N, C-alpha and C. Protein backbone atom coordinates (compact mmCIF):
# COMPACT_ATOMS: atom_id res chain seq x y z
N UNK A 1 -22.76 -19.74 -4.30
CA UNK A 1 -21.65 -18.84 -4.90
C UNK A 1 -21.24 -19.33 -6.70
N UNK A 2 -20.86 -18.17 -7.31
CA UNK A 2 -20.52 -18.42 -8.57
C UNK A 2 -18.91 -19.36 -9.04
N UNK A 3 -19.38 -19.52 -10.12
CA UNK A 3 -18.09 -20.69 -10.42
C UNK A 3 -16.93 -20.02 -10.79
N UNK A 4 -16.90 -18.63 -10.85
CA UNK A 4 -15.66 -17.64 -11.23
C UNK A 4 -15.11 -17.47 -9.30
N UNK A 5 -16.25 -17.37 -8.56
CA UNK A 5 -16.04 -16.75 -7.04
C UNK A 5 -15.07 -18.42 -6.70
N UNK A 6 -16.02 -19.56 -7.12
CA UNK A 6 -15.54 -20.71 -6.54
C UNK A 6 -13.75 -21.24 -7.00
N UNK A 7 -13.38 -20.55 -8.15
CA UNK A 7 -12.40 -20.74 -8.91
C UNK A 7 -11.34 -19.64 -7.81
N UNK A 8 -11.65 -18.93 -7.59
CA UNK A 8 -10.65 -17.71 -7.20
C UNK A 8 -10.41 -18.22 -5.76
N UNK A 9 -11.47 -18.53 -4.88
CA UNK A 9 -11.16 -19.50 -3.59
C UNK A 9 -10.39 -20.49 -3.88
N UNK A 10 -10.71 -21.67 -4.75
CA UNK A 10 -9.91 -22.77 -4.70
C UNK A 10 -7.84 -22.60 -4.96
N UNK A 11 -8.22 -21.08 -6.13
CA UNK A 11 -6.83 -20.76 -6.41
C UNK A 11 -6.27 -20.77 -5.32
N UNK A 12 -6.62 -19.61 -4.63
CA UNK A 12 -6.17 -18.93 -3.12
C UNK A 12 -5.90 -19.94 -2.31
N UNK A 13 -6.69 -20.99 -2.40
CA UNK A 13 -6.34 -21.54 -0.79
C UNK A 13 -5.12 -22.59 -1.71
N UNK A 14 -4.63 -22.71 -2.90
CA UNK A 14 -3.43 -23.43 -3.37
C UNK A 14 -2.15 -22.61 -3.10
N UNK A 15 -2.21 -21.14 -3.27
CA UNK A 15 -1.27 -20.36 -3.11
C UNK A 15 -0.84 -19.89 -1.61
N UNK A 16 -2.09 -20.01 -0.73
CA UNK A 16 -1.90 -19.62 0.81
C UNK A 16 -1.24 -20.78 1.43
N UNK A 17 -1.20 -21.97 1.14
CA UNK A 17 -0.50 -23.38 1.38
C UNK A 17 0.75 -23.14 0.95
N UNK A 18 1.40 -23.12 -0.09
CA UNK A 18 2.75 -22.53 -0.65
C UNK A 18 3.33 -21.10 0.01
N UNK A 19 2.39 -20.57 0.60
CA UNK A 19 3.07 -19.38 0.88
C UNK A 19 3.61 -19.69 2.41
N UNK A 20 3.05 -20.53 3.02
CA UNK A 20 3.21 -21.20 4.48
C UNK A 20 4.62 -21.51 3.89
N UNK A 21 5.02 -22.52 3.20
CA UNK A 21 6.00 -22.91 2.95
C UNK A 21 7.45 -22.18 2.81
N UNK A 22 7.30 -20.88 2.97
CA UNK A 22 7.74 -20.31 2.09
C UNK A 22 8.03 -18.89 3.42
N UNK A 23 7.18 -19.39 4.63
CA UNK A 23 7.21 -18.64 5.80
C UNK A 23 6.74 -17.11 6.10
N UNK A 24 5.84 -17.19 4.79
CA UNK A 24 5.06 -16.06 4.82
C UNK A 24 3.53 -16.70 5.01
N UNK A 25 2.87 -16.20 5.75
CA UNK A 25 1.20 -16.22 5.65
C UNK A 25 0.21 -15.59 4.58
N UNK A 26 -0.74 -15.97 4.67
CA UNK A 26 -1.76 -15.69 3.48
C UNK A 26 -3.34 -15.58 4.28
N UNK A 27 -4.21 -14.78 3.62
CA UNK A 27 -5.43 -15.07 3.79
C UNK A 27 -6.20 -14.83 2.38
N UNK A 28 -7.70 -15.30 2.33
CA UNK A 28 -8.13 -15.01 1.43
C UNK A 28 -9.40 -14.19 1.76
N UNK A 29 -9.74 -13.16 0.99
CA UNK A 29 -11.39 -12.32 1.14
C UNK A 29 -11.89 -12.63 -0.08
N UNK A 30 -13.44 -12.21 0.09
CA UNK A 30 -14.28 -13.05 -0.95
C UNK A 30 -14.28 -11.49 -1.54
N UNK A 31 -14.66 -10.13 -0.89
CA UNK A 31 -14.13 -9.23 -1.79
C UNK A 31 -13.96 -7.99 -0.83
N UNK A 32 -13.12 -6.46 -1.15
CA UNK A 32 -12.80 -5.64 -0.43
C UNK A 32 -13.30 -5.14 0.56
N UNK A 33 -14.70 -5.15 0.92
CA UNK A 33 -14.59 -4.62 2.12
C UNK A 33 -14.29 -6.20 3.56
N UNK A 34 -13.95 -7.28 2.74
CA UNK A 34 -13.86 -8.40 4.08
C UNK A 34 -12.38 -8.18 4.01
N UNK A 35 -11.57 -7.42 2.95
CA UNK A 35 -10.45 -7.42 3.09
C UNK A 35 -10.07 -6.39 4.32
N UNK A 36 -10.82 -5.30 3.79
CA UNK A 36 -10.01 -3.83 4.54
C UNK A 36 -10.49 -4.38 6.31
N UNK A 37 -11.24 -5.42 6.42
CA UNK A 37 -11.82 -5.96 7.64
C UNK A 37 -10.54 -6.32 8.25
N UNK A 38 -10.38 -7.50 7.42
CA UNK A 38 -9.10 -8.37 7.73
C UNK A 38 -8.01 -7.46 8.37
N UNK A 39 -7.72 -6.44 7.64
CA UNK A 39 -6.16 -5.59 7.89
C UNK A 39 -6.56 -4.95 9.14
N UNK A 40 -7.46 -4.37 9.35
CA UNK A 40 -7.72 -3.79 10.79
C UNK A 40 -7.80 -4.82 11.94
N UNK A 41 -8.09 -5.85 11.67
CA UNK A 41 -7.88 -6.88 12.81
C UNK A 41 -6.87 -7.63 13.10
N UNK A 42 -5.63 -7.43 11.74
CA UNK A 42 -3.91 -7.59 12.06
C UNK A 42 -3.64 -6.32 12.38
N UNK A 43 -3.96 -5.20 12.36
CA UNK A 43 -2.84 -4.52 13.03
C UNK A 43 -3.45 -3.76 14.15
N UNK A 44 -2.52 -3.27 15.49
CA UNK A 44 -3.26 -2.57 16.60
C UNK A 44 -3.49 -1.28 16.26
N UNK A 45 -4.09 -0.80 16.85
CA UNK A 45 -4.55 0.79 17.05
C UNK A 45 -3.14 1.34 17.21
N UNK A 46 -2.66 2.65 16.74
CA UNK A 46 -1.82 3.80 17.22
C UNK A 46 -0.02 2.77 16.34
N UNK A 47 -0.31 1.60 15.27
CA UNK A 47 0.42 1.48 14.80
C UNK A 47 1.41 2.59 14.10
N UNK A 48 2.36 2.75 13.99
CA UNK A 48 3.06 3.80 12.88
C UNK A 48 2.73 2.83 11.02
N UNK A 49 1.71 3.08 9.84
CA UNK A 49 1.85 2.80 8.88
C UNK A 49 2.01 3.63 7.85
N UNK A 50 2.88 3.24 6.68
CA UNK A 50 2.86 3.68 5.79
C UNK A 50 3.11 2.87 4.22
N UNK A 51 3.17 3.51 3.43
CA UNK A 51 2.55 1.78 1.92
C UNK A 51 3.17 2.63 0.60
N UNK A 52 3.68 1.79 -0.41
CA UNK A 52 4.13 2.05 -1.62
C UNK A 52 3.18 2.30 -2.58
N UNK A 53 3.40 2.41 -3.20
CA UNK A 53 2.35 3.28 -4.86
C UNK A 53 1.59 1.63 -4.91
N UNK A 54 0.32 2.24 -4.69
CA UNK A 54 -0.31 1.21 -4.93
C UNK A 54 -2.07 1.20 -5.06
N UNK A 55 -2.55 0.79 -6.28
CA UNK A 55 -4.10 1.36 -6.53
C UNK A 55 -4.47 0.09 -5.99
N UNK A 56 -4.17 -0.85 -5.60
CA UNK A 56 -5.16 -1.77 -4.96
C UNK A 56 -5.79 -1.20 -3.61
N UNK A 57 -4.49 -0.97 -3.02
CA UNK A 57 -5.27 -0.23 -1.48
C UNK A 57 -6.37 1.12 -1.43
N UNK A 58 -6.12 1.58 -2.81
CA UNK A 58 -6.99 2.56 -3.17
C UNK A 58 -8.44 2.27 -3.34
N UNK A 59 -8.55 1.18 -4.51
CA UNK A 59 -9.75 0.71 -4.93
C UNK A 59 -10.11 0.33 -3.77
N UNK A 60 -9.75 -0.49 -2.54
CA UNK A 60 -10.07 -1.56 -2.01
C UNK A 60 -10.89 -0.81 -0.76
N UNK A 61 -10.53 0.33 -0.81
CA UNK A 61 -11.10 1.26 0.44
C UNK A 61 -10.09 1.29 1.48
N UNK A 62 -8.78 0.97 1.37
CA UNK A 62 -7.67 0.66 2.54
C UNK A 62 -7.54 1.80 2.93
N UNK A 63 -7.38 2.93 2.01
CA UNK A 63 -6.72 4.15 2.34
C UNK A 63 -7.38 4.82 3.37
N UNK A 64 -8.65 4.86 3.04
CA UNK A 64 -9.72 5.68 3.65
C UNK A 64 -9.86 5.27 4.83
N UNK A 65 -10.05 4.01 5.08
CA UNK A 65 -10.03 3.18 6.53
C UNK A 65 -9.42 3.55 7.48
N UNK A 66 -8.14 3.74 6.78
CA UNK A 66 -6.59 4.27 7.34
C UNK A 66 -6.90 5.81 8.00
N UNK A 67 -7.38 6.10 7.27
CA UNK A 67 -7.24 7.90 7.63
C UNK A 67 -8.40 8.29 8.52
N UNK A 68 -8.98 7.42 8.51
CA UNK A 68 -10.24 7.20 9.85
C UNK A 68 -9.99 6.30 11.15
N UNK A 69 -8.82 5.83 11.25
CA UNK A 69 -8.46 5.07 12.14
C UNK A 69 -7.81 5.64 13.00
N UNK A 70 -7.21 5.01 14.13
CA UNK A 70 -6.46 5.56 15.43
C UNK A 70 -4.77 5.25 14.80
N UNK A 71 -4.43 5.62 13.91
CA UNK A 71 -3.29 5.11 13.37
C UNK A 71 -1.84 6.88 13.23
N UNK A 72 -0.56 6.34 13.32
CA UNK A 72 0.08 7.19 12.92
C UNK A 72 0.66 6.85 11.44
N UNK A 73 0.04 7.69 10.12
CA UNK A 73 0.46 7.65 8.87
C UNK A 73 1.52 8.19 8.36
N UNK A 74 2.52 7.54 7.93
CA UNK A 74 3.25 8.22 7.10
C UNK A 74 3.48 8.32 5.52
N UNK A 75 2.98 9.03 4.98
CA UNK A 75 2.74 9.64 3.53
C UNK A 75 3.67 10.35 2.75
N UNK A 76 4.89 9.48 2.09
CA UNK A 76 5.59 10.19 1.58
C UNK A 76 5.04 11.15 0.27
N UNK A 77 3.43 11.03 0.21
CA UNK A 77 3.36 12.37 -0.55
C UNK A 77 3.08 13.41 -0.36
N UNK A 78 2.82 13.68 1.13
CA UNK A 78 3.08 14.89 1.48
C UNK A 78 4.26 15.58 1.94
N UNK A 79 4.95 15.27 1.75
CA UNK A 79 6.35 15.81 1.35
C UNK A 79 6.18 17.15 0.80
N UNK A 80 6.90 18.14 0.86
CA UNK A 80 6.58 19.28 0.66
C UNK A 80 8.22 19.96 -0.20
N UNK A 81 9.33 19.12 0.32
CA UNK A 81 10.58 19.69 0.11
C UNK A 81 11.16 18.57 0.04
N UNK A 82 12.61 18.56 -0.97
CA UNK A 82 13.12 17.29 -1.00
C UNK A 82 13.61 16.72 0.31
N UNK A 83 14.12 17.73 1.25
CA UNK A 83 14.49 17.54 2.91
C UNK A 83 13.26 16.55 3.76
N UNK A 84 12.03 17.01 3.33
CA UNK A 84 10.77 16.27 4.29
C UNK A 84 10.46 14.68 3.53
N UNK A 85 10.58 14.58 2.35
CA UNK A 85 10.71 13.83 1.38
C UNK A 85 11.53 12.76 1.93
N UNK A 86 13.25 13.22 2.21
CA UNK A 86 13.91 12.51 2.84
C UNK A 86 13.51 11.57 4.22
N UNK A 87 12.87 12.81 4.92
CA UNK A 87 12.49 12.64 6.18
C UNK A 87 11.72 11.29 6.14
N UNK A 88 10.72 11.30 5.42
CA UNK A 88 9.74 10.45 5.16
C UNK A 88 10.11 9.27 5.21
N UNK A 89 10.97 9.33 3.59
CA UNK A 89 11.39 7.95 3.78
C UNK A 89 11.81 7.15 4.55
N UNK A 90 12.69 7.73 5.67
CA UNK A 90 13.83 7.28 6.51
C UNK A 90 12.53 6.74 7.77
N UNK A 91 11.66 7.25 8.10
CA UNK A 91 10.72 6.80 8.87
C UNK A 91 9.82 5.70 8.26
N UNK A 92 9.66 5.72 7.36
CA UNK A 92 8.66 4.49 6.27
C UNK A 92 9.65 3.35 6.41
N UNK A 93 11.10 3.55 6.45
CA UNK A 93 11.30 1.93 6.81
C UNK A 93 11.49 1.65 8.52
N UNK A 94 11.29 2.59 8.90
CA UNK A 94 10.98 2.07 10.43
C UNK A 94 9.90 1.79 10.72
N UNK A 95 8.78 1.54 9.92
CA UNK A 95 7.35 1.63 10.37
C UNK A 95 7.16 0.52 10.72
N UNK A 96 6.07 0.52 11.35
CA UNK A 96 5.15 -1.07 12.20
C UNK A 96 4.73 -1.45 11.03
N UNK A 97 4.20 -1.18 10.06
CA UNK A 97 3.60 -1.77 9.09
C UNK A 97 3.63 -1.11 8.02
N UNK A 98 3.83 -1.87 6.58
CA UNK A 98 4.00 -1.42 5.43
C UNK A 98 2.99 -1.94 4.53
N UNK A 99 2.56 -1.26 3.76
CA UNK A 99 1.27 -2.03 2.61
C UNK A 99 2.06 -1.83 1.48
N UNK A 100 1.20 -2.78 0.42
CA UNK A 100 2.01 -2.46 -0.95
C UNK A 100 0.78 -3.53 -1.35
N UNK A 101 0.80 -3.48 -2.64
CA UNK A 101 0.27 -4.74 -3.60
C UNK A 101 1.32 -5.19 -4.13
N UNK A 102 1.53 -6.16 -5.43
CA UNK A 102 2.35 -6.76 -5.61
C UNK A 102 2.06 -6.98 -7.74
N UNK A 103 2.91 -6.85 -8.16
CA UNK A 103 2.47 -7.02 -9.94
C UNK A 103 2.35 -8.13 -10.26
N UNK A 104 2.30 -9.25 -9.16
CA UNK A 104 2.22 -10.60 -9.77
C UNK A 104 2.21 -11.75 -8.76
N UNK A 105 1.93 -12.15 -8.30
CA UNK A 105 2.10 -13.73 -7.18
C UNK A 105 1.89 -14.91 -8.33
N UNK A 106 2.70 -15.75 -7.79
CA UNK A 106 2.67 -17.14 -8.61
C UNK A 106 1.79 -18.39 -8.21
N UNK A 107 1.06 -19.31 -7.87
CA UNK A 107 0.50 -20.38 -7.94
C UNK A 107 1.71 -20.77 -6.46
N UNK A 108 2.98 -20.96 -6.97
CA UNK A 108 3.85 -21.79 -5.50
C UNK A 108 4.24 -20.72 -4.85
N UNK A 109 3.72 -19.44 -4.96
CA UNK A 109 3.40 -18.79 -3.76
C UNK A 109 5.28 -17.36 -3.74
N UNK A 110 5.54 -17.43 -5.23
CA UNK A 110 6.50 -16.25 -5.45
C UNK A 110 5.61 -14.66 -5.53
N UNK A 111 6.17 -14.07 -5.17
CA UNK A 111 5.91 -12.15 -5.15
C UNK A 111 6.91 -12.15 -6.48
N UNK A 112 6.26 -11.42 -7.55
CA UNK A 112 6.65 -10.81 -8.44
C UNK A 112 6.49 -9.15 -8.50
N UNK A 113 7.47 -8.31 -8.43
CA UNK A 113 7.65 -7.08 -8.23
C UNK A 113 8.90 -6.15 -9.00
N UNK A 114 8.26 -5.36 -10.07
CA UNK A 114 9.46 -4.51 -10.74
C UNK A 114 9.10 -2.62 -10.25
N UNK A 115 10.33 -1.95 -9.54
CA UNK A 115 9.82 -1.16 -9.08
C UNK A 115 10.75 -0.33 -9.88
N UNK A 116 10.58 1.21 -9.90
CA UNK A 116 11.27 1.94 -10.23
C UNK A 116 12.21 3.06 -9.44
N UNK A 117 12.03 3.80 -8.69
CA UNK A 117 12.61 4.30 -7.34
C UNK A 117 12.80 3.53 -6.66
N UNK A 118 12.70 2.08 -6.26
CA UNK A 118 12.47 1.41 -5.49
C UNK A 118 12.47 1.18 -4.31
N UNK A 119 11.85 2.36 -3.52
CA UNK A 119 11.50 2.15 -2.13
C UNK A 119 10.32 1.46 -1.91
N UNK A 120 9.58 0.68 -2.77
CA UNK A 120 8.43 -0.21 -2.46
C UNK A 120 9.04 -1.44 -2.30
N UNK A 121 9.91 -1.90 -3.02
CA UNK A 121 10.90 -2.93 -2.50
C UNK A 121 11.71 -3.62 -1.95
N UNK A 122 12.28 -1.99 -1.90
CA UNK A 122 13.63 -1.96 -0.39
C UNK A 122 12.56 -2.39 0.87
N UNK A 123 11.43 -1.62 0.77
CA UNK A 123 10.32 -2.05 2.32
C UNK A 123 10.07 -3.40 2.68
N UNK A 124 9.36 -3.78 0.70
CA UNK A 124 9.67 -5.67 1.04
C UNK A 124 10.50 -6.54 1.64
N UNK A 125 12.02 -5.63 1.01
CA UNK A 125 12.67 -6.58 1.40
C UNK A 125 13.57 -6.25 3.04
N UNK A 126 13.46 -5.53 3.16
CA UNK A 126 13.91 -5.27 4.55
C UNK A 126 13.55 -3.87 5.34
N UNK A 127 13.46 -3.63 6.52
CA UNK A 127 12.76 -2.20 7.21
C UNK A 127 11.60 -2.28 8.11
N UNK A 128 10.83 -2.22 7.51
CA UNK A 128 9.36 -2.24 8.05
C UNK A 128 8.99 -3.46 9.22
N UNK A 129 8.75 -3.66 10.09
CA UNK A 129 8.21 -4.96 11.06
C UNK A 129 7.01 -5.87 9.91
N UNK A 130 6.46 -5.33 9.81
CA UNK A 130 5.40 -6.15 9.10
C UNK A 130 5.16 -5.36 7.85
N UNK A 131 4.79 -6.32 6.71
CA UNK A 131 4.57 -5.77 5.45
C UNK A 131 3.09 -6.80 5.02
N UNK A 132 2.15 -6.07 4.76
CA UNK A 132 1.00 -6.56 4.37
C UNK A 132 0.68 -6.15 2.84
N UNK A 133 0.50 -7.39 1.91
CA UNK A 133 0.29 -7.28 0.47
C UNK A 133 -0.88 -7.83 -0.11
N UNK A 134 -1.44 -6.82 -0.78
CA UNK A 134 -3.35 -6.36 -1.18
C UNK A 134 -2.74 -7.45 -2.41
N UNK A 135 -3.67 -8.15 -2.95
CA UNK A 135 -3.86 -8.41 -4.31
C UNK A 135 -4.72 -9.34 -4.54
N UNK A 136 -5.31 -8.34 -6.09
CA UNK A 136 -6.48 -9.01 -6.58
C UNK A 136 -6.46 -10.09 -7.27
N UNK A 137 -7.49 -10.76 -7.61
CA UNK A 137 -6.78 -12.51 -8.11
C UNK A 137 -6.63 -12.56 -9.46
N UNK A 138 -6.60 -10.87 -9.95
CA UNK A 138 -6.12 -10.74 -11.24
C UNK A 138 -4.45 -10.67 -11.68
N UNK A 139 -3.85 -10.81 -10.29
CA UNK A 139 -2.36 -10.41 -10.32
C UNK A 139 -2.06 -12.30 -10.27
N UNK A 140 -2.74 -13.62 -10.55
CA UNK A 140 -2.14 -14.65 -10.11
C UNK A 140 -1.68 -14.99 -11.26
N UNK A 141 -0.52 -16.09 -11.61
CA UNK A 141 0.07 -16.06 -12.42
C UNK A 141 0.46 -17.63 -12.54
N UNK A 142 0.96 -18.26 -13.34
CA UNK A 142 1.50 -19.77 -13.17
C UNK A 142 2.86 -19.63 -12.67
N UNK A 143 3.69 -19.02 -12.99
CA UNK A 143 4.88 -19.45 -12.55
C UNK A 143 5.60 -17.78 -12.85
N UNK A 144 7.08 -17.51 -12.30
CA UNK A 144 7.84 -16.26 -12.14
C UNK A 144 8.22 -15.73 -13.64
N UNK A 145 8.01 -16.82 -14.45
CA UNK A 145 8.48 -16.03 -16.32
C UNK A 145 7.09 -15.51 -16.45
N UNK A 146 5.83 -15.87 -16.23
CA UNK A 146 4.61 -15.35 -16.49
C UNK A 146 4.07 -13.90 -15.73
N UNK A 147 4.68 -14.15 -14.61
CA UNK A 147 4.91 -13.20 -13.30
C UNK A 147 5.99 -11.62 -14.06
N UNK A 148 6.88 -11.79 -14.59
CA UNK A 148 7.93 -11.03 -15.17
C UNK A 148 7.34 -10.64 -16.08
N UNK A 149 6.24 -11.16 -17.27
CA UNK A 149 5.83 -10.63 -18.10
C UNK A 149 4.61 -9.91 -17.95
N UNK A 150 4.17 -10.27 -16.99
CA UNK A 150 2.60 -9.58 -16.19
C UNK A 150 3.42 -8.20 -15.85
N UNK A 151 4.45 -8.15 -15.06
CA UNK A 151 4.80 -7.08 -14.87
C UNK A 151 5.07 -6.06 -15.58
N UNK A 152 5.61 -5.98 -16.75
CA UNK A 152 6.46 -5.74 -17.55
C UNK A 152 5.52 -5.39 -18.47
N UNK A 153 4.53 -5.99 -18.83
CA UNK A 153 3.54 -6.13 -20.31
C UNK A 153 2.45 -5.67 -19.84
N UNK A 154 1.63 -5.95 -18.75
CA UNK A 154 0.34 -5.57 -18.24
C UNK A 154 0.81 -4.28 -17.05
N UNK A 155 1.09 -4.62 -15.92
CA UNK A 155 1.37 -3.57 -15.02
C UNK A 155 2.19 -2.19 -15.45
N UNK A 156 3.29 -2.30 -16.05
CA UNK A 156 4.21 -1.34 -16.32
C UNK A 156 3.71 -0.39 -17.33
N UNK A 157 3.18 -0.96 -18.16
CA UNK A 157 2.22 0.42 -19.31
C UNK A 157 1.06 0.91 -18.61
N UNK A 158 0.38 0.57 -17.83
CA UNK A 158 -0.65 1.32 -17.13
C UNK A 158 -0.31 2.29 -16.35
N UNK A 159 0.71 1.78 -15.36
CA UNK A 159 1.42 2.38 -14.41
C UNK A 159 2.13 3.73 -15.02
N UNK A 160 2.61 3.94 -16.34
CA UNK A 160 3.28 5.05 -17.05
C UNK A 160 2.41 5.95 -17.22
N UNK A 161 1.14 5.57 -18.09
CA UNK A 161 0.37 6.18 -18.52
C UNK A 161 -0.30 7.10 -16.82
N UNK A 162 -0.45 6.18 -15.84
CA UNK A 162 -1.32 6.76 -14.31
C UNK A 162 -0.19 7.80 -14.50
N UNK A 163 1.75 7.84 -14.49
CA UNK A 163 2.40 8.66 -13.74
C UNK A 163 3.01 10.13 -14.72
N UNK A 164 2.07 9.56 -15.75
CA UNK A 164 2.71 10.64 -17.10
C UNK A 164 4.18 10.32 -17.43
N UNK A 165 4.55 8.89 -17.65
CA UNK A 165 5.43 8.93 -17.97
C UNK A 165 6.04 8.92 -19.75
N UNK A 166 7.26 9.50 -19.86
CA UNK A 166 7.23 9.20 -21.72
C UNK A 166 8.54 8.17 -21.49
N UNK A 167 7.90 6.71 -21.78
CA UNK A 167 8.05 5.53 -21.64
C UNK A 167 7.96 5.07 -23.59
N UNK A 168 8.49 3.97 -24.35
CA UNK A 168 7.97 3.51 -25.18
C UNK A 168 6.79 2.43 -24.74
N UNK A 169 6.50 1.75 -23.36
CA UNK A 169 5.45 1.20 -23.57
C UNK A 169 3.82 1.66 -23.11
N UNK A 170 4.31 2.91 -23.07
CA UNK A 170 2.81 3.92 -22.88
C UNK A 170 2.18 4.29 -23.84
N UNK A 171 2.94 4.33 -24.90
CA UNK A 171 2.51 4.35 -26.49
C UNK A 171 2.55 3.46 -27.15
N UNK A 172 2.91 1.80 -26.86
CA UNK A 172 2.54 0.94 -27.44
C UNK A 172 1.74 -0.20 -26.66
N UNK A 173 1.83 -0.33 -25.08
CA UNK A 173 1.44 -1.22 -24.62
C UNK A 173 2.36 -2.14 -24.30
N UNK A 174 3.57 -2.16 -24.48
CA UNK A 174 4.25 -3.61 -24.55
C UNK A 174 5.74 -3.00 -24.06
N UNK A 175 6.59 -3.59 -23.52
CA UNK A 175 7.34 -3.42 -22.78
C UNK A 175 8.34 -3.89 -23.91
N UNK A 176 9.88 -2.71 -24.11
CA UNK A 176 10.62 -3.13 -24.85
C UNK A 176 11.94 -2.91 -24.42
N UNK A 177 11.98 -3.41 -23.22
CA UNK A 177 12.97 -3.39 -22.57
C UNK A 177 14.13 -1.76 -22.68
N UNK A 178 13.23 -1.39 -22.47
CA UNK A 178 13.79 0.42 -22.97
C UNK A 178 15.01 0.92 -21.69
N UNK A 179 15.98 1.72 -21.89
CA UNK A 179 16.37 2.69 -21.12
C UNK A 179 15.97 4.40 -21.01
N UNK A 180 14.66 4.35 -21.34
CA UNK A 180 13.84 5.78 -21.31
C UNK A 180 14.59 6.24 -19.96
N UNK A 181 14.69 7.70 -19.88
CA UNK A 181 14.72 8.23 -18.17
C UNK A 181 13.63 8.24 -17.61
N UNK A 182 12.43 8.10 -18.07
CA UNK A 182 11.44 8.17 -16.87
C UNK A 182 11.04 6.27 -16.85
N UNK A 183 11.83 5.32 -17.43
CA UNK A 183 11.81 4.03 -17.37
C UNK A 183 11.01 4.04 -15.59
N UNK A 184 10.38 3.45 -15.73
CA UNK A 184 10.00 2.60 -13.47
C UNK A 184 10.19 1.14 -13.72
N UNK A 185 10.99 0.31 -14.51
CA UNK A 185 11.59 -0.67 -14.26
C UNK A 185 13.09 -0.78 -13.97
N UNK A 186 13.58 -0.20 -13.21
CA UNK A 186 14.85 -0.47 -12.53
C UNK A 186 14.80 -1.33 -11.96
N UNK A 187 14.15 -1.83 -10.93
CA UNK A 187 14.14 -3.03 -10.04
C UNK A 187 13.44 -4.19 -10.58
N UNK A 188 14.16 -5.45 -9.88
CA UNK A 188 13.21 -6.66 -10.28
C UNK A 188 13.37 -7.67 -9.43
N UNK A 189 12.13 -7.89 -8.48
CA UNK A 189 12.63 -8.71 -7.32
C UNK A 189 11.66 -9.85 -7.32
N UNK A 190 11.79 -10.72 -6.75
CA UNK A 190 11.41 -12.09 -6.78
C UNK A 190 11.51 -12.12 -5.24
N UNK A 191 10.06 -12.46 -4.23
CA UNK A 191 10.55 -12.86 -3.60
C UNK A 191 10.06 -14.16 -3.33
N UNK A 192 11.30 -15.11 -2.65
CA UNK A 192 10.91 -16.69 -2.79
C UNK A 192 10.55 -16.80 -1.48
N UNK A 193 10.95 -16.13 -0.22
CA UNK A 193 10.47 -16.79 1.11
C UNK A 193 10.60 -15.29 1.58
N UNK A 194 10.10 -15.26 3.39
CA UNK A 194 10.11 -14.55 4.02
C UNK A 194 11.29 -14.70 4.99
N UNK A 195 12.29 -13.98 5.31
CA UNK A 195 13.56 -14.20 5.89
C UNK A 195 12.76 -14.65 7.68
N UNK A 196 12.21 -13.55 7.58
CA UNK A 196 11.51 -13.72 8.93
C UNK A 196 9.96 -14.00 8.98
N UNK A 197 10.13 -15.24 9.70
CA UNK A 197 8.85 -16.40 9.98
C UNK A 197 7.67 -15.01 10.09
N UNK A 198 6.41 -15.25 8.97
CA UNK A 198 5.34 -14.19 9.49
C UNK A 198 5.38 -12.97 8.97
N UNK A 199 6.57 -12.35 8.75
CA UNK A 199 6.83 -10.81 8.78
C UNK A 199 5.92 -10.12 7.13
N UNK A 200 5.97 -11.13 6.07
CA UNK A 200 5.14 -10.58 4.69
C UNK A 200 3.72 -11.69 4.82
N UNK A 201 3.01 -11.05 5.12
CA UNK A 201 1.30 -11.41 4.96
C UNK A 201 0.79 -10.68 3.61
N UNK A 202 -0.05 -11.77 3.44
CA UNK A 202 -0.55 -11.20 1.53
C UNK A 202 -2.63 -12.10 2.09
N UNK A 203 -3.00 -10.91 1.45
CA UNK A 203 -4.35 -11.18 1.61
C UNK A 203 -4.55 -10.65 0.43
N UNK A 204 -5.44 -11.77 -0.20
CA UNK A 204 -5.71 -12.69 -1.37
C UNK A 204 -7.14 -11.78 -1.96
N UNK A 205 -7.48 -11.28 -2.40
CA UNK A 205 -8.98 -10.50 -2.75
C UNK A 205 -9.96 -11.31 -3.67
N UNK A 206 -11.07 -11.61 -3.62
CA UNK A 206 -11.93 -12.28 -4.59
C UNK A 206 -12.45 -11.22 -5.72
N UNK A 207 -11.34 -10.07 -6.10
CA UNK A 207 -11.77 -9.17 -6.98
C UNK A 207 -10.48 -8.74 -8.14
N UNK A 208 -10.94 -8.32 -9.19
CA UNK A 208 -9.97 -7.78 -10.10
C UNK A 208 -9.77 -5.90 -9.55
N UNK A 209 -8.28 -6.10 -8.91
CA UNK A 209 -7.79 -4.69 -8.01
C UNK A 209 -6.42 -4.28 -8.94
N UNK A 210 -6.61 -2.88 -9.18
CA UNK A 210 -5.14 -2.86 -9.31
C UNK A 210 -4.70 -2.74 -10.57
N UNK A 211 -3.62 -2.87 -10.94
CA UNK A 211 -2.99 -2.86 -12.61
C UNK A 211 -1.94 -4.29 -12.46
């Protein structure tokens, strides 16, 4: 095992132990393929499944695996009208499984997320029976302060470019605490524990994934 992979594994063990103290479950997978396999082991067939905006899910191959599987997929991007979009959001809140990544995860097991519309953090906080968080080891930070900085100065500028948003950070690459109409930093959520034991499950992946 390379020193980098050993570092990832050792760090993940620390985080997983701290997640347990916060009533969350955690696993470490060496690569994307193992992470996808872990998800499929955790989730029964015929489950209703939805997700928030997450490049990690795309990059690790989980999106394709779910489409090939025997699941009921609730894809909000499939909506063609405002009415359909509202209906899909309502169904998503009642889904069996909700997938997302996290803007940052601390060594102490806290999840840090900044959101625009708020649908992603809303489902993290309440609604779906199970929340599975997929996170590359590039998302690991020392503490909540570093997590906030990462969310707003690393994840947000790249996501504004991906979403074609006109914000200061899309131009400068750094957060300016803007009030732009296109701002994607409307909600800031720190998840310090799962109110329902085991509802939130975190899969740490020994790769750099997402933003």
